[in-house]
Amino acid sequence: MIVEQIWTGNAYRNFNYLIACPESGEALAVDPLDHKKCLAVAKDRGWEITQILNTHEHGDHIGGNKPMVAATGARILAHKNARNSIPGMDQGLSAGDLIKVGRTVELESLDTPGHTMSHVCLLSRSDQPALFCGDTLFNAGAGNCHNGGHPNELYHTFAEQLSKLPDSTLIYPGHDYFANNLRFTLDREPDNGDAAALLRDVDDQDPDAAMISTLGLEKTVNTFFRLQSPTVIARLRETFPDLPDAPSAKDVFLKLRELRNSW
């Protein structure tokens, strides 16, 4: 499996992806908003884009579909419940569905509600797994739930699916919010030395050559995975004095998501 992360350079800081089979040259485009850049990379690599995967229905993820289909004839895949919100969708995905790219690439569909209720992530079936997570999981952060989602569902996606993946899983998010999210982690957990060190490394990174994190790293620097941290809980209690003495992981997650909305 070959992965090309494509930095759009737009105001929303989107990443697009091409996932290619090295034997056949077939490729799948993930949320190809900047269709021109995606097509140029595919042409340069000698790849044929045959499928488009939309992680969810928001315009900055499906906006390149029409010109991409016009240029390639690619089929559009997305969550099965997104048919009414993604024009021209060819295949609806459920949890556990396999997407094959060429002869060697297999990707498993994960049903990951929260950012929206029709969101999928892709998990590669490769020696080192990779997660293409759209707007569910960001580097050092979690997606918002403003436009068709729900924080309760996002918590369950984190707790019951993402946190159980191998720590070696590579993380490929839909946007580059790394530095700002690390600042939020440090606002919530100022004694997190790993987050402070990482911020120094990525604060001025070139998004065209962005650092690829792992789930294991996320668990050390992403406050939405650090729900048992005494510092995180103590800092939350400053804002939410009615927080129980021993709050549940869900309580902590939901309060963190609430704070992040206005941070």
Protein backbone atom coordinates (compact mmCIF):
# COMPACT_ATOMS: atom_id res chain seq x y z
CA MET A 1 0.00 0.00 0.00
CA ILE A 2 1.27 3.44 -0.94
CA VAL A 3 -0.19 6.53 0.76
CA GLU A 4 0.15 10.06 -0.55
CA GLN A 5 -0.97 12.79 1.84
CA ILE A 6 -1.92 15.87 -0.15
CA TRP A 7 -1.94 19.26 1.54
CA THR A 8 -4.59 21.50 -0.01
CA GLY A 9 -3.28 24.75 1.44
CA ASN A 10 -6.83 26.05 1.84
CA ALA A 11 -8.31 28.03 4.73
CA TYR A 12 -9.78 24.87 6.27
CA ARG A 13 -6.36 23.19 6.28
CA ASN A 14 -7.67 20.04 4.57
CA PHE A 15 -5.62 16.96 3.85
CA ASN A 16 -6.61 14.77 0.89
CA TYR A 17 -5.23 11.26 0.35
CA LEU A 18 -4.46 8.83 -2.42
CA ILE A 19 -4.14 5.16 -1.45
CA ALA A 20 -2.58 3.11 -4.21
CA CYS A 21 -1.84 -0.50 -5.04
CA PRO A 22 1.83 -0.72 -6.04
CA GLU A 23 1.20 -3.69 -8.34
CA SER A 24 -1.75 -2.47 -10.39
CA GLY A 25 -1.43 1.31 -10.06
CA GLU A 26 -5.09 1.61 -9.08
CA ALA A 27 -5.80 4.28 -6.46
CA LEU A 28 -8.56 5.37 -4.13
CA ALA A 29 -8.96 9.09 -3.37
CA VAL A 30 -10.07 10.02 0.16
CA ASP A 31 -12.08 13.25 0.39
CA PRO A 32 -10.44 14.72 -2.75
CA LEU A 33 -11.57 18.33 -2.31
CA ASP A 34 -8.58 19.64 -4.25
CA HIS A 35 -9.23 17.41 -7.23
CA LYS A 36 -6.63 19.19 -9.34
CA LYS A 37 -3.82 18.39 -6.91
CA CYS A 38 -5.05 14.82 -6.51
CA LEU A 39 -5.22 14.30 -10.27
CA ALA A 40 -1.77 15.82 -10.72
CA VAL A 41 -0.22 13.54 -8.10
CA ALA A 42 -1.92 10.49 -9.66
CA LYS A 43 -0.67 11.44 -13.12
CA ASP A 44 2.86 11.98 -11.82
CA ARG A 45 2.84 8.56 -10.12
CA GLY A 46 1.24 6.79 -13.06
CA TRP A 47 -1.83 5.84 -11.01
CA GLU A 48 -5.45 5.46 -12.08
CA ILE A 49 -8.03 6.76 -9.60
CA THR A 50 -10.91 4.28 -9.71
CA GLN A 51 -12.67 5.00 -6.41
CA ILE A 52 -13.50 7.98 -4.19
CA LEU A 53 -14.13 7.53 -0.48
CA ASN A 54 -15.94 10.28 1.38
CA THR A 55 -15.49 9.99 5.13
CA HIS A 56 -18.59 12.15 5.62
CA GLU A 57 -20.94 14.54 3.90
CA HIS A 58 -19.53 18.00 4.66
CA GLY A 59 -18.76 20.23 1.71
CA ASP A 60 -15.03 20.45 2.33
CA HIS A 61 -14.86 16.66 1.95
CA ILE A 62 -17.22 16.05 -0.98
CA GLY A 63 -16.62 19.27 -2.91
CA GLY A 64 -14.19 17.66 -5.35
CA ASN A 65 -16.37 14.66 -6.20
CA LYS A 66 -18.05 15.95 -9.33
CA PRO A 67 -14.92 17.08 -11.20
CA MET A 68 -13.03 13.99 -10.00
CA VAL A 69 -15.72 11.68 -11.36
CA ALA A 70 -15.80 13.67 -14.60
CA ALA A 71 -12.05 13.24 -15.01
CA THR A 72 -11.75 9.59 -13.97
CA GLY A 73 -15.16 7.88 -13.89
CA ALA A 74 -14.41 6.84 -10.30
CA ARG A 75 -17.13 5.34 -8.11
CA ILE A 76 -18.12 7.19 -4.92
CA LEU A 77 -18.23 5.27 -1.64
CA ALA A 78 -19.50 6.64 1.68
CA HIS A 79 -21.56 5.76 4.74
CA LYS A 80 -24.76 3.97 3.81
CA ASN A 81 -26.86 6.68 5.47
CA ALA A 82 -25.26 9.50 3.47
CA ARG A 83 -27.07 8.78 0.20
CA ASN A 84 -29.33 11.80 0.57
CA SER A 85 -26.46 14.17 1.32
CA ILE A 86 -23.73 13.01 -1.10
CA PRO A 87 -24.80 13.39 -4.74
CA GLY A 88 -23.97 10.53 -7.07
CA MET A 89 -23.00 8.08 -4.35
CA ASP A 90 -22.48 4.59 -5.82
CA GLN A 91 -21.95 2.39 -2.76
CA GLY A 92 -23.06 2.67 0.85
CA LEU A 93 -20.70 1.31 3.50
CA SER A 94 -21.46 -0.43 6.77
CA ALA A 95 -19.13 -1.41 9.60
CA GLY A 96 -16.82 -4.21 8.52
CA ASP A 97 -17.22 -3.75 4.77
CA LEU A 98 -14.00 -4.29 2.81
CA ILE A 99 -12.81 -1.90 0.13
CA LYS A 100 -10.26 -3.36 -2.25
CA VAL A 101 -7.85 -1.20 -4.22
CA GLY A 102 -6.09 -3.04 -7.01
CA ARG A 103 -4.65 -6.44 -6.15
CA THR A 104 -2.97 -5.82 -2.81
CA VAL A 105 -4.81 -3.18 -0.76
CA GLU A 106 -7.68 -3.94 1.60
CA LEU A 107 -9.35 -1.29 3.75
CA GLU A 108 -11.99 -1.96 6.38
CA SER A 109 -14.87 0.44 6.86
CA LEU A 110 -15.46 1.56 10.45
CA ASP A 111 -18.80 3.14 11.36
CA THR A 112 -17.60 6.11 13.45
CA PRO A 113 -20.42 8.50 14.38
CA GLY A 114 -19.87 11.68 16.32
CA HIS A 115 -18.61 14.44 14.04
CA THR A 116 -21.60 13.51 11.92
CA MET A 117 -23.85 10.50 12.27
CA SER A 118 -22.86 9.23 8.81
CA HIS A 119 -19.08 9.14 9.20
CA VAL A 120 -16.74 6.32 8.25
CA CYS A 121 -13.05 5.81 8.91
CA LEU A 122 -10.89 3.42 6.90
CA LEU A 123 -8.53 0.97 8.58
CA SER A 124 -5.92 -0.65 6.38
CA ARG A 125 -5.30 -4.36 6.59
CA SER A 126 -1.54 -4.02 6.37
CA ASP A 127 1.50 -5.01 8.44
CA GLN A 128 1.41 -1.58 10.04
CA PRO A 129 -2.24 -0.52 10.18
CA ALA A 130 -3.23 2.96 9.04
CA LEU A 131 -6.39 4.86 9.96
CA PHE A 132 -7.87 7.39 7.56
CA CYS A 133 -10.04 9.17 10.07
CA GLY A 134 -11.61 12.17 8.36
CA ASP A 135 -12.91 14.56 11.01
CA THR A 136 -13.34 11.99 13.80
CA LEU A 137 -9.79 11.98 15.15
CA PHE A 138 -7.25 14.73 14.56
CA ASN A 139 -3.62 14.89 15.59
CA ALA A 140 -3.90 15.78 19.30
CA GLY A 141 -7.62 16.44 18.97
CA ALA A 142 -11.15 15.27 18.21
CA GLY A 143 -13.73 16.45 15.70
CA ASN A 144 -16.42 18.93 16.64
CA CYS A 145 -20.08 17.95 16.62
CA HIS A 146 -21.64 21.20 15.38
CA ASN A 147 -23.06 20.14 12.03
CA GLY A 148 -25.04 16.94 12.34
CA GLY A 149 -23.09 15.15 15.05
CA HIS A 150 -23.29 14.42 18.76
CA PRO A 151 -20.53 14.40 21.42
CA ASN A 152 -22.03 11.39 23.17
CA GLU A 153 -21.60 9.32 20.00
CA LEU A 154 -18.11 10.71 19.49
CA TYR A 155 -17.13 9.53 22.97
CA HIS A 156 -18.36 6.01 22.22
CA THR A 157 -16.44 5.99 18.94
CA PHE A 158 -13.25 6.92 20.80
CA ALA A 159 -13.80 4.55 23.72
CA GLU A 160 -15.15 1.51 21.91
CA GLN A 161 -13.31 1.65 18.59
CA LEU A 162 -10.36 4.01 18.22
CA SER A 163 -8.76 3.39 21.61
CA LYS A 164 -8.73 -0.35 20.95
CA LEU A 165 -6.71 -0.18 17.74
CA PRO A 166 -3.01 -1.12 17.87
CA ASP A 167 -0.74 1.62 19.18
CA SER A 168 1.30 1.28 15.98
CA THR A 169 -1.64 2.49 13.87
CA LEU A 170 -0.67 5.42 11.65
CA ILE A 171 -3.07 8.38 11.88
CA TYR A 172 -4.14 10.19 8.70
CA PRO A 173 -6.63 12.95 9.64
CA GLY A 174 -8.75 15.15 7.41
CA HIS A 175 -7.15 18.43 8.55
CA ASP A 176 -3.90 19.78 9.94
CA TYR A 177 -4.74 21.22 13.37
CA PHE A 178 -1.76 19.62 15.10
CA ALA A 179 -0.13 22.64 16.73
CA ASN A 180 -3.34 24.28 17.91
CA ASN A 181 -4.63 21.01 19.32
CA LEU A 182 -1.39 20.51 21.24
CA ARG A 183 -1.90 23.96 22.74
CA PHE A 184 -5.31 22.83 23.95
CA THR A 185 -3.76 19.72 25.48
CA LEU A 186 -1.23 21.90 27.30
CA ASP A 187 -3.98 24.25 28.45
CA ARG A 188 -5.71 21.23 30.00
CA GLU A 189 -2.56 19.37 31.09
CA PRO A 190 0.30 21.87 31.45
CA ASP A 191 2.60 19.21 32.92
CA ASN A 192 2.43 17.05 29.78
CA GLY A 193 6.07 17.12 28.75
CA ASP A 194 5.49 14.95 25.68
CA ALA A 195 2.96 17.43 24.31
CA ALA A 196 5.26 20.38 25.01
CA ALA A 197 8.19 18.72 23.24
CA LEU A 198 6.06 17.72 20.27
CA LEU A 199 4.66 21.24 19.92
CA ARG A 200 8.19 22.54 19.52
CA ASP A 201 8.70 20.05 16.68
CA VAL A 202 5.47 20.65 14.75
CA ASP A 203 4.68 24.29 15.47
CA ASP A 204 6.30 25.48 12.26
CA GLN A 205 6.24 22.24 10.26
CA ASP A 206 5.64 22.28 6.53
CA PRO A 207 2.18 20.73 5.98
CA ASP A 208 3.42 19.42 2.64
CA ALA A 209 5.70 17.16 4.68
CA ALA A 210 3.58 16.78 7.81
CA MET A 211 4.51 14.47 10.64
CA ILE A 212 2.47 11.24 10.67
CA SER A 213 1.60 10.30 14.23
CA THR A 214 0.59 6.94 15.65
CA LEU A 215 -2.23 6.00 17.97
CA GLY A 216 0.34 5.32 20.68
CA LEU A 217 1.64 8.87 20.37
CA GLU A 218 -1.90 10.23 20.35
CA LYS A 219 -2.56 8.52 23.67
CA THR A 220 0.28 10.52 25.22
CA VAL A 221 -0.52 13.97 23.74
CA ASN A 222 -4.21 13.99 22.79
CA THR A 223 -6.29 15.18 25.73
CA PHE A 224 -9.33 13.27 24.42
CA PHE A 225 -7.47 10.04 25.18
CA ARG A 226 -6.18 11.26 28.55
CA LEU A 227 -9.42 10.99 30.47
CA GLN A 228 -7.86 9.52 33.63
CA SER A 229 -5.15 12.17 34.00
CA PRO A 230 -5.34 13.76 37.48
CA THR A 231 -4.22 17.08 36.01
CA VAL A 232 -6.88 17.03 33.30
CA ILE A 233 -9.57 16.24 35.87
CA ALA A 234 -8.33 18.87 38.34
CA ARG A 235 -8.25 21.54 35.64
CA LEU A 236 -11.75 20.59 34.52
CA ARG A 237 -13.02 20.99 38.06
CA GLU A 238 -11.88 24.62 38.01
CA THR A 239 -14.40 25.26 35.24
CA PHE A 240 -16.98 22.68 36.27
CA PRO A 241 -16.96 22.65 40.12
CA ASP A 242 -19.87 20.21 40.18
CA LEU A 243 -17.72 17.53 38.50
CA PRO A 244 -17.83 14.36 40.67
CA ASP A 245 -14.82 13.44 42.77
CA ALA A 246 -14.26 10.41 40.54
CA PRO A 247 -15.76 11.43 37.19
CA SER A 248 -16.36 8.81 34.54
CA ALA A 249 -14.28 8.83 31.38
CA LYS A 250 -17.40 9.89 29.51
CA ASP A 251 -17.97 12.84 31.85
CA VAL A 252 -14.41 14.03 31.26
CA PHE A 253 -14.61 13.59 27.48
CA LEU A 254 -17.87 15.50 27.19
CA LYS A 255 -16.61 18.38 29.33
CA LEU A 256 -13.39 18.55 27.28
CA ARG A 257 -15.39 18.64 24.05
CA GLU A 258 -17.56 21.41 25.50
CA LEU A 259 -14.51 23.46 26.44
CA ARG A 260 -12.85 22.91 23.07
CA ASN A 261 -15.90 24.35 21.30
CA SER A 262 -15.10 27.84 22.60
CA TRP A 263 -11.35 27.58 23.22
